[in-house]
């Protein structure tokens, strides 16, 4: 059975709970504890990112996450440009034993739009 990238992302999105950008902004405003991980590439990060995010590119996630976030109960929100790569990362984190993972729907692209309203 051959799966496309879109199939893999769709599967990951079914497994990883989502949080809308509006709900994320409300969570931040309330000061709810969480860690935001931006999994985009360095050039994307350098062009702009969400304040307070930790940058761990997708290709380094499995290697960097244990030192960055050793507590597997930590509320983590993963974010990329539009939500596909971060869904795959969220799925990986679940496989690694992290238990409180959410994917930022629409990613940085949607966040920029919603946060400027």
N, C-alpha and C. Protein backbone atom coordinates (compact mmCIF):
# COMPACT_ATOMS: atom_id res chain seq x y z
N UNK A 1 0.84 -1.18 0.00
CA UNK A 1 0.00 0.00 0.00
C UNK A 1 0.89 1.25 0.00
N UNK A 2 0.81 1.99 -1.06
CA UNK A 2 1.58 3.22 -1.17
C UNK A 2 0.75 4.39 -0.67
N UNK A 3 1.33 5.16 0.22
CA UNK A 3 0.66 6.34 0.75
C UNK A 3 1.35 7.59 0.23
N UNK A 4 0.57 8.58 -0.10
CA UNK A 4 1.12 9.86 -0.52
C UNK A 4 1.42 10.71 0.70
N UNK A 5 2.13 11.81 0.48
CA UNK A 5 2.39 12.75 1.58
C UNK A 5 1.07 13.24 2.16
N UNK A 6 0.10 13.51 1.29
CA UNK A 6 -1.22 13.98 1.76
C UNK A 6 -1.90 12.92 2.63
N UNK A 7 -1.75 11.65 2.26
CA UNK A 7 -2.33 10.56 3.07
C UNK A 7 -1.68 10.53 4.46
N UNK A 8 -0.37 10.66 4.49
CA UNK A 8 0.35 10.63 5.77
C UNK A 8 -0.04 11.81 6.66
N UNK A 9 -0.17 12.99 6.06
CA UNK A 9 -0.58 14.17 6.83
C UNK A 9 -2.01 14.00 7.34
N UNK A 10 -2.90 13.49 6.50
CA UNK A 10 -4.29 13.28 6.92
C UNK A 10 -4.36 12.31 8.09
N UNK A 11 -3.57 11.25 8.04
CA UNK A 11 -3.53 10.28 9.14
C UNK A 11 -3.01 10.95 10.42
N UNK A 12 -1.95 11.73 10.29
CA UNK A 12 -1.39 12.42 11.46
C UNK A 12 -2.40 13.39 12.05
N UNK A 13 -3.13 14.11 11.19
CA UNK A 13 -4.13 15.06 11.69
C UNK A 13 -5.28 14.35 12.41
N UNK A 14 -5.56 13.11 12.04
CA UNK A 14 -6.58 12.34 12.76
C UNK A 14 -6.09 11.93 14.15
N UNK A 15 -4.78 11.73 14.28
CA UNK A 15 -4.21 11.24 15.54
C UNK A 15 -3.84 12.36 16.51
N UNK A 16 -3.50 13.52 15.99
CA UNK A 16 -3.02 14.62 16.83
C UNK A 16 -4.14 15.65 16.98
N UNK A 17 -4.60 15.90 18.20
CA UNK A 17 -5.64 16.91 18.39
C UNK A 17 -5.19 18.28 17.90
N UNK A 18 -6.12 19.02 17.35
CA UNK A 18 -5.82 20.35 16.81
C UNK A 18 -6.26 21.43 17.79
N UNK A 19 -5.62 22.59 17.65
CA UNK A 19 -6.06 23.79 18.35
C UNK A 19 -6.10 24.90 17.30
N UNK A 20 -7.20 25.63 17.27
CA UNK A 20 -7.32 26.73 16.31
C UNK A 20 -6.42 27.88 16.76
N UNK A 21 -6.10 28.74 15.82
CA UNK A 21 -5.29 29.92 16.16
C UNK A 21 -6.02 30.82 17.14
N UNK A 22 -7.33 30.94 16.99
CA UNK A 22 -8.13 31.74 17.91
C UNK A 22 -8.06 31.17 19.32
N UNK A 23 -8.20 29.84 19.44
CA UNK A 23 -8.11 29.21 20.76
C UNK A 23 -6.69 29.31 21.32
N UNK A 24 -5.69 29.24 20.44
CA UNK A 24 -4.31 29.38 20.90
C UNK A 24 -4.07 30.78 21.47
N UNK A 25 -4.57 31.79 20.77
CA UNK A 25 -4.41 33.17 21.27
C UNK A 25 -5.09 33.33 22.62
N UNK A 26 -6.25 32.72 22.81
CA UNK A 26 -6.96 32.79 24.10
C UNK A 26 -6.16 32.08 25.18
N UNK A 27 -5.59 30.93 24.85
CA UNK A 27 -4.77 30.17 25.79
C UNK A 27 -3.57 31.01 26.23
N UNK A 28 -2.92 31.67 25.28
CA UNK A 28 -1.79 32.55 25.61
C UNK A 28 -2.23 33.71 26.48
N UNK A 29 -3.35 34.32 26.13
CA UNK A 29 -3.84 35.48 26.87
C UNK A 29 -4.13 35.12 28.33
N UNK A 30 -4.60 33.89 28.56
CA UNK A 30 -4.89 33.42 29.92
C UNK A 30 -3.64 32.98 30.65
N UNK A 31 -2.53 32.88 29.93
CA UNK A 31 -1.28 32.45 30.55
C UNK A 31 -1.23 30.97 30.85
N UNK A 32 -2.01 30.19 30.12
CA UNK A 32 -2.00 28.74 30.35
C UNK A 32 -0.64 28.17 29.97
N UNK A 33 -0.08 27.32 30.83
CA UNK A 33 1.25 26.78 30.56
C UNK A 33 1.25 25.89 29.31
N UNK A 34 2.25 26.10 28.49
CA UNK A 34 2.44 25.30 27.28
C UNK A 34 3.80 25.63 26.69
N UNK A 35 4.25 24.78 25.79
CA UNK A 35 5.45 25.06 25.01
C UNK A 35 5.06 25.00 23.55
N UNK A 36 5.38 26.05 22.81
CA UNK A 36 5.12 26.09 21.39
C UNK A 36 6.41 25.73 20.66
N UNK A 37 6.34 24.71 19.81
CA UNK A 37 7.50 24.30 19.03
C UNK A 37 7.24 24.59 17.56
N UNK A 38 8.11 25.39 16.98
CA UNK A 38 8.06 25.73 15.56
C UNK A 38 8.98 24.75 14.84
N UNK A 39 8.42 23.92 13.95
CA UNK A 39 9.19 22.87 13.29
C UNK A 39 9.61 23.26 11.87
N UNK A 40 9.43 24.53 11.51
CA UNK A 40 9.80 24.97 10.17
C UNK A 40 11.33 25.02 10.01
N UNK A 41 11.76 25.19 8.78
CA UNK A 41 13.18 25.28 8.48
C UNK A 41 13.74 26.63 8.95
N UNK A 42 15.05 26.72 9.03
CA UNK A 42 15.73 27.90 9.55
C UNK A 42 15.35 29.17 8.78
N UNK A 43 15.27 29.09 7.45
CA UNK A 43 14.95 30.29 6.68
C UNK A 43 13.53 30.76 6.96
N UNK A 44 12.61 29.83 7.17
CA UNK A 44 11.23 30.19 7.51
C UNK A 44 11.19 30.86 8.88
N UNK A 45 11.87 30.28 9.84
CA UNK A 45 11.95 30.83 11.20
C UNK A 45 12.53 32.24 11.16
N UNK A 46 13.62 32.40 10.38
CA UNK A 46 14.27 33.70 10.29
C UNK A 46 13.40 34.78 9.67
N UNK A 47 12.45 34.37 8.83
CA UNK A 47 11.55 35.34 8.18
C UNK A 47 10.43 35.79 9.12
N UNK A 48 10.27 35.13 10.25
CA UNK A 48 9.25 35.49 11.24
C UNK A 48 8.76 34.28 11.97
N UNK A 49 8.42 34.47 13.23
CA UNK A 49 7.92 33.37 14.05
C UNK A 49 7.07 33.92 15.20
N UNK A 50 6.35 33.02 15.83
CA UNK A 50 5.48 33.39 16.94
C UNK A 50 6.35 33.62 18.18
N UNK A 51 6.12 34.75 18.84
CA UNK A 51 6.87 35.09 20.04
C UNK A 51 6.77 33.97 21.07
N UNK A 52 7.91 33.60 21.63
CA UNK A 52 7.96 32.58 22.67
C UNK A 52 8.12 31.16 22.16
N UNK A 53 8.08 30.98 20.85
CA UNK A 53 8.22 29.63 20.29
C UNK A 53 9.66 29.14 20.43
N UNK A 54 9.80 27.83 20.51
CA UNK A 54 11.11 27.18 20.48
C UNK A 54 11.28 26.65 19.06
N UNK A 55 12.43 26.89 18.46
CA UNK A 55 12.67 26.42 17.09
C UNK A 55 13.39 25.08 17.12
N UNK A 56 12.69 24.05 16.66
CA UNK A 56 13.29 22.73 16.48
C UNK A 56 12.84 22.25 15.10
N UNK A 57 13.69 22.37 14.07
CA UNK A 57 13.27 21.94 12.74
C UNK A 57 12.85 20.47 12.72
N UNK A 58 11.92 20.16 11.85
CA UNK A 58 11.36 18.82 11.77
C UNK A 58 12.44 17.74 11.69
N UNK A 59 13.47 17.98 10.92
CA UNK A 59 14.52 16.98 10.75
C UNK A 59 15.35 16.71 11.99
N UNK A 60 15.24 17.55 13.00
CA UNK A 60 16.02 17.39 14.23
C UNK A 60 15.15 17.06 15.44
N UNK A 61 13.85 17.01 15.24
CA UNK A 61 12.92 16.89 16.36
C UNK A 61 13.24 15.72 17.29
N UNK A 62 13.37 14.53 16.73
CA UNK A 62 13.59 13.34 17.56
C UNK A 62 14.86 13.43 18.39
N UNK A 63 15.85 14.16 17.86
CA UNK A 63 17.14 14.28 18.55
C UNK A 63 17.16 15.40 19.58
N UNK A 64 16.43 16.47 19.32
CA UNK A 64 16.48 17.66 20.19
C UNK A 64 15.40 17.69 21.27
N UNK A 65 14.27 17.04 21.03
CA UNK A 65 13.15 17.16 21.97
C UNK A 65 13.47 16.64 23.37
N UNK A 66 14.19 15.53 23.54
CA UNK A 66 14.44 15.06 24.91
C UNK A 66 15.19 16.07 25.77
N UNK A 67 16.13 16.82 25.18
CA UNK A 67 16.87 17.81 25.98
C UNK A 67 16.06 19.09 26.14
N UNK A 68 15.25 19.44 25.14
CA UNK A 68 14.46 20.67 25.20
C UNK A 68 13.26 20.52 26.13
N UNK A 69 12.61 19.37 26.06
CA UNK A 69 11.41 19.12 26.87
C UNK A 69 11.49 17.70 27.43
N UNK A 70 12.18 17.53 28.55
CA UNK A 70 12.33 16.18 29.11
C UNK A 70 11.04 15.62 29.72
N UNK A 71 10.15 16.49 30.21
CA UNK A 71 8.90 16.04 30.84
C UNK A 71 7.87 15.73 29.75
N UNK A 72 7.54 14.48 29.61
CA UNK A 72 6.64 14.04 28.53
C UNK A 72 5.18 14.40 28.78
N UNK A 73 4.88 14.99 29.94
CA UNK A 73 3.52 15.45 30.25
C UNK A 73 3.32 16.93 29.89
N UNK A 74 4.39 17.61 29.52
CA UNK A 74 4.34 19.04 29.20
C UNK A 74 3.34 19.30 28.09
N UNK A 75 2.46 20.28 28.25
CA UNK A 75 1.56 20.65 27.15
C UNK A 75 2.39 21.25 26.00
N UNK A 76 2.34 20.60 24.86
CA UNK A 76 3.11 21.03 23.69
C UNK A 76 2.16 21.33 22.54
N UNK A 77 2.41 22.46 21.88
CA UNK A 77 1.70 22.80 20.65
C UNK A 77 2.75 22.85 19.56
N UNK A 78 2.55 22.06 18.51
CA UNK A 78 3.48 22.06 17.39
C UNK A 78 2.92 22.92 16.27
N UNK A 79 3.83 23.59 15.56
CA UNK A 79 3.41 24.56 14.56
C UNK A 79 4.40 24.57 13.41
N UNK A 80 3.87 24.65 12.18
CA UNK A 80 4.71 24.84 10.99
C UNK A 80 4.08 25.97 10.19
N UNK A 81 4.23 25.97 8.88
CA UNK A 81 3.66 27.04 8.07
C UNK A 81 2.15 26.92 7.93
N UNK A 82 1.66 25.69 7.68
CA UNK A 82 0.22 25.52 7.44
C UNK A 82 -0.42 24.38 8.23
N UNK A 83 0.35 23.59 8.94
CA UNK A 83 -0.21 22.54 9.79
C UNK A 83 0.09 21.12 9.38
N UNK A 84 0.67 20.90 8.21
CA UNK A 84 0.98 19.54 7.76
C UNK A 84 2.20 18.95 8.42
N UNK A 85 3.32 19.64 8.32
CA UNK A 85 4.56 19.14 8.93
C UNK A 85 4.41 19.03 10.44
N UNK A 86 3.72 19.99 11.03
CA UNK A 86 3.56 19.94 12.49
C UNK A 86 2.68 18.78 12.92
N UNK A 87 1.70 18.41 12.10
CA UNK A 87 0.89 17.22 12.41
C UNK A 87 1.77 15.97 12.41
N UNK A 88 2.65 15.87 11.43
CA UNK A 88 3.57 14.73 11.38
C UNK A 88 4.48 14.73 12.60
N UNK A 89 4.94 15.90 13.02
CA UNK A 89 5.78 16.01 14.22
C UNK A 89 5.00 15.64 15.48
N UNK A 90 3.75 16.07 15.54
CA UNK A 90 2.92 15.72 16.68
C UNK A 90 2.74 14.22 16.78
N UNK A 91 2.54 13.58 15.64
CA UNK A 91 2.40 12.12 15.60
C UNK A 91 3.69 11.45 16.11
N UNK A 92 4.83 11.98 15.70
CA UNK A 92 6.11 11.45 16.16
C UNK A 92 6.26 11.62 17.67
N UNK A 93 5.89 12.79 18.18
CA UNK A 93 5.99 13.02 19.62
C UNK A 93 5.10 12.05 20.40
N UNK A 94 3.91 11.78 19.88
CA UNK A 94 3.03 10.80 20.53
C UNK A 94 3.71 9.43 20.56
N UNK A 95 4.34 9.05 19.47
CA UNK A 95 5.04 7.77 19.41
C UNK A 95 6.21 7.73 20.38
N UNK A 96 6.78 8.90 20.66
CA UNK A 96 7.92 8.98 21.59
C UNK A 96 7.46 9.03 23.04
N UNK A 97 6.15 9.01 23.27
CA UNK A 97 5.63 8.97 24.64
C UNK A 97 5.16 10.30 25.20
N UNK A 98 5.20 11.36 24.42
CA UNK A 98 4.65 12.64 24.87
C UNK A 98 3.13 12.52 24.84
N UNK A 99 2.48 13.05 25.84
CA UNK A 99 1.06 12.75 26.02
C UNK A 99 0.12 13.94 25.84
N UNK A 100 0.65 15.16 25.75
CA UNK A 100 -0.20 16.34 25.71
C UNK A 100 0.19 17.21 24.51
N UNK A 101 -0.13 16.70 23.32
CA UNK A 101 0.30 17.32 22.07
C UNK A 101 -0.92 17.87 21.34
N UNK A 102 -0.78 19.09 20.80
CA UNK A 102 -1.80 19.65 19.91
C UNK A 102 -1.10 20.29 18.71
N UNK A 103 -1.80 20.29 17.60
CA UNK A 103 -1.28 20.86 16.36
C UNK A 103 -2.00 22.18 16.08
N UNK A 104 -1.23 23.24 15.81
CA UNK A 104 -1.81 24.55 15.54
C UNK A 104 -2.39 24.54 14.12
N UNK A 105 -3.72 24.56 14.04
CA UNK A 105 -4.42 24.53 12.75
C UNK A 105 -4.05 25.75 11.92
N UNK A 106 -3.66 25.52 10.68
CA UNK A 106 -3.32 26.61 9.79
C UNK A 106 -1.93 27.15 9.97
N UNK A 107 -1.25 26.74 11.04
CA UNK A 107 0.14 27.09 11.27
C UNK A 107 0.41 28.59 11.35
N UNK A 108 1.64 28.95 11.05
CA UNK A 108 2.08 30.34 11.14
C UNK A 108 1.31 31.23 10.17
N UNK A 109 0.97 30.68 9.01
CA UNK A 109 0.23 31.46 8.01
C UNK A 109 -1.11 31.92 8.57
N UNK A 110 -1.86 31.00 9.14
CA UNK A 110 -3.16 31.34 9.73
C UNK A 110 -2.99 32.21 10.98
N UNK A 111 -1.98 31.90 11.78
CA UNK A 111 -1.74 32.67 13.00
C UNK A 111 -1.53 34.15 12.68
N UNK A 112 -0.73 34.44 11.66
CA UNK A 112 -0.48 35.84 11.28
C UNK A 112 -1.78 36.55 10.93
N UNK A 113 -2.66 35.87 10.21
CA UNK A 113 -3.93 36.47 9.83
C UNK A 113 -4.82 36.71 11.05
N UNK A 114 -4.97 35.68 11.87
CA UNK A 114 -5.86 35.76 13.05
C UNK A 114 -5.34 36.74 14.08
N UNK A 115 -4.04 36.77 14.29
CA UNK A 115 -3.47 37.63 15.35
C UNK A 115 -3.50 39.11 14.96
N UNK A 116 -3.72 39.42 13.70
CA UNK A 116 -3.76 40.81 13.27
C UNK A 116 -5.18 41.38 13.22
N UNK A 117 -6.16 40.57 13.59
CA UNK A 117 -7.56 41.03 13.57
C UNK A 117 -7.83 41.94 14.73
